[in-house]
Amino acid sequence: MTDLDHDKKLDDAKGLLESVALLESVAAEREQKAGRIIDELADDGVKPDEIAGRLDISESSVETLLDRDAPKPVHERIGISEETVKKLDALGFPQSQKSAD
């Protein structure tokens, strides 16, 4: 393989890792928002079986969501260091969305 081939593969790998970091950032943020909404509904007296029925998911899934801690930070979700995630952050995604509050 030539140096050009290596450079192309490294660029591809970096692009894929950047995509994974971004996707996990968005996934963590959405997971946290969905959890907050479900918690609010439960706090307002909506029963888990009703939430489950409205969401078309199992009641045990709702119970799991209600008992779940905040989502893991992005670097833990992908299993790499926080510094690496920051270096891969090509879009400058806000830090608040990269980790659980």
Protein backbone atom coordinates (compact mmCIF):
# COMPACT_ATOMS: atom_id res chain seq x y z
CA MET A 1 0.00 0.00 0.00
CA THR A 2 1.14 3.51 -0.72
CA ASP A 3 1.26 6.45 1.62
CA LEU A 4 -1.67 7.88 -0.33
CA ASP A 5 -3.71 4.75 0.44
CA HIS A 6 -2.81 5.03 4.10
CA ASP A 7 -3.79 8.70 4.16
CA LYS A 8 -7.14 7.90 2.54
CA LYS A 9 -7.85 5.14 5.06
CA LEU A 10 -6.87 7.38 7.96
CA ASP A 11 -9.13 10.16 6.63
CA ASP A 12 -11.97 7.64 6.29
CA ALA A 13 -11.43 6.37 9.84
CA LYS A 14 -11.33 9.90 11.24
CA GLY A 15 -14.54 10.83 9.41
CA LEU A 16 -16.28 7.74 10.73
CA LEU A 17 -15.12 8.40 14.29
CA GLU A 18 -16.31 12.00 14.02
CA SER A 19 -19.69 10.71 12.86
CA VAL A 20 -19.90 8.26 15.74
CA ALA A 21 -19.04 10.99 18.25
CA LEU A 22 -21.72 13.26 16.79
CA LEU A 23 -24.34 10.50 16.67
CA GLU A 24 -23.64 9.51 20.26
CA SER A 25 -23.82 13.16 21.33
CA VAL A 26 -27.23 13.51 19.73
CA ALA A 27 -28.38 10.13 21.07
CA ALA A 28 -27.37 11.03 24.64
CA GLU A 29 -29.18 14.36 24.43
CA ARG A 30 -32.36 12.77 23.06
CA GLU A 31 -32.23 9.97 25.61
CA GLN A 32 -31.97 12.54 28.38
CA LYS A 33 -34.85 14.64 27.00
CA ALA A 34 -37.12 11.60 26.58
CA GLY A 35 -36.31 10.51 30.13
CA ARG A 36 -37.14 13.95 31.50
CA ILE A 37 -40.50 13.96 29.71
CA ILE A 38 -41.38 10.50 30.98
CA ASP A 39 -40.33 11.51 34.51
CA GLU A 40 -42.50 14.63 34.29
CA LEU A 41 -45.48 12.58 33.14
CA ALA A 42 -45.01 10.16 36.02
CA ASP A 43 -44.64 13.07 38.45
CA ASP A 44 -47.92 14.49 37.09
CA GLY A 45 -49.63 11.21 38.01
CA VAL A 46 -49.67 9.46 34.65
CA LYS A 47 -49.30 5.74 35.42
CA PRO A 48 -46.50 3.72 33.80
CA ASP A 49 -49.00 1.42 32.07
CA GLU A 50 -50.70 4.44 30.48
CA ILE A 51 -47.35 5.89 29.36
CA ALA A 52 -46.44 2.48 27.94
CA GLY A 53 -49.73 2.24 26.06
CA ARG A 54 -49.41 5.73 24.59
CA LEU A 55 -45.80 5.09 23.53
CA ASP A 56 -46.59 1.55 22.33
CA ILE A 57 -43.78 0.09 24.44
CA SER A 58 -43.83 -2.36 27.33
CA GLU A 59 -44.55 -1.25 30.86
CA SER A 60 -41.22 -2.76 31.94
CA SER A 61 -39.48 -0.48 29.43
CA VAL A 62 -41.20 2.53 30.99
CA GLU A 63 -40.18 1.34 34.46
CA THR A 64 -36.59 0.97 33.24
CA LEU A 65 -36.65 4.50 31.81
CA LEU A 66 -38.06 5.87 35.06
CA ASP A 67 -35.36 4.14 37.11
CA ARG A 68 -32.48 4.95 34.77
CA ASP A 69 -29.70 7.34 35.65
CA ALA A 70 -28.63 10.08 33.27
CA PRO A 71 -27.06 8.84 30.03
CA LYS A 72 -23.33 8.21 30.07
CA PRO A 73 -21.11 10.93 28.61
CA VAL A 74 -20.20 10.47 24.94
CA HIS A 75 -16.65 9.35 25.60
CA GLU A 76 -17.94 6.56 27.86
CA ARG A 77 -20.64 5.60 25.35
CA ILE A 78 -18.01 5.02 22.66
CA GLY A 79 -15.27 3.79 24.96
CA ILE A 80 -12.63 6.40 24.17
CA SER A 81 -11.14 9.26 26.15
CA GLU A 82 -12.92 12.57 26.62
CA GLU A 83 -9.89 14.30 25.06
CA THR A 84 -10.24 12.14 21.95
CA VAL A 85 -13.92 13.03 21.63
CA LYS A 86 -13.01 16.73 21.85
CA LYS A 87 -10.40 16.29 19.11
CA LEU A 88 -12.93 14.49 16.91
CA ASP A 89 -15.48 17.25 17.39
CA ALA A 90 -15.29 18.71 13.90
CA LEU A 91 -18.58 20.61 14.28
CA GLY A 92 -17.89 22.25 17.64
CA PHE A 93 -20.87 20.56 19.29
CA PRO A 94 -21.55 22.24 22.66
CA GLN A 95 -20.02 20.42 25.63
CA SER A 96 -23.36 20.39 27.46
CA GLN A 97 -24.68 18.04 24.80
CA LYS A 98 -21.68 15.75 24.99
CA SER A 99 -22.17 14.67 28.54
CA ALA A 100 -25.00 13.96 30.86
CA ASP A 101 -25.94 16.87 33.10
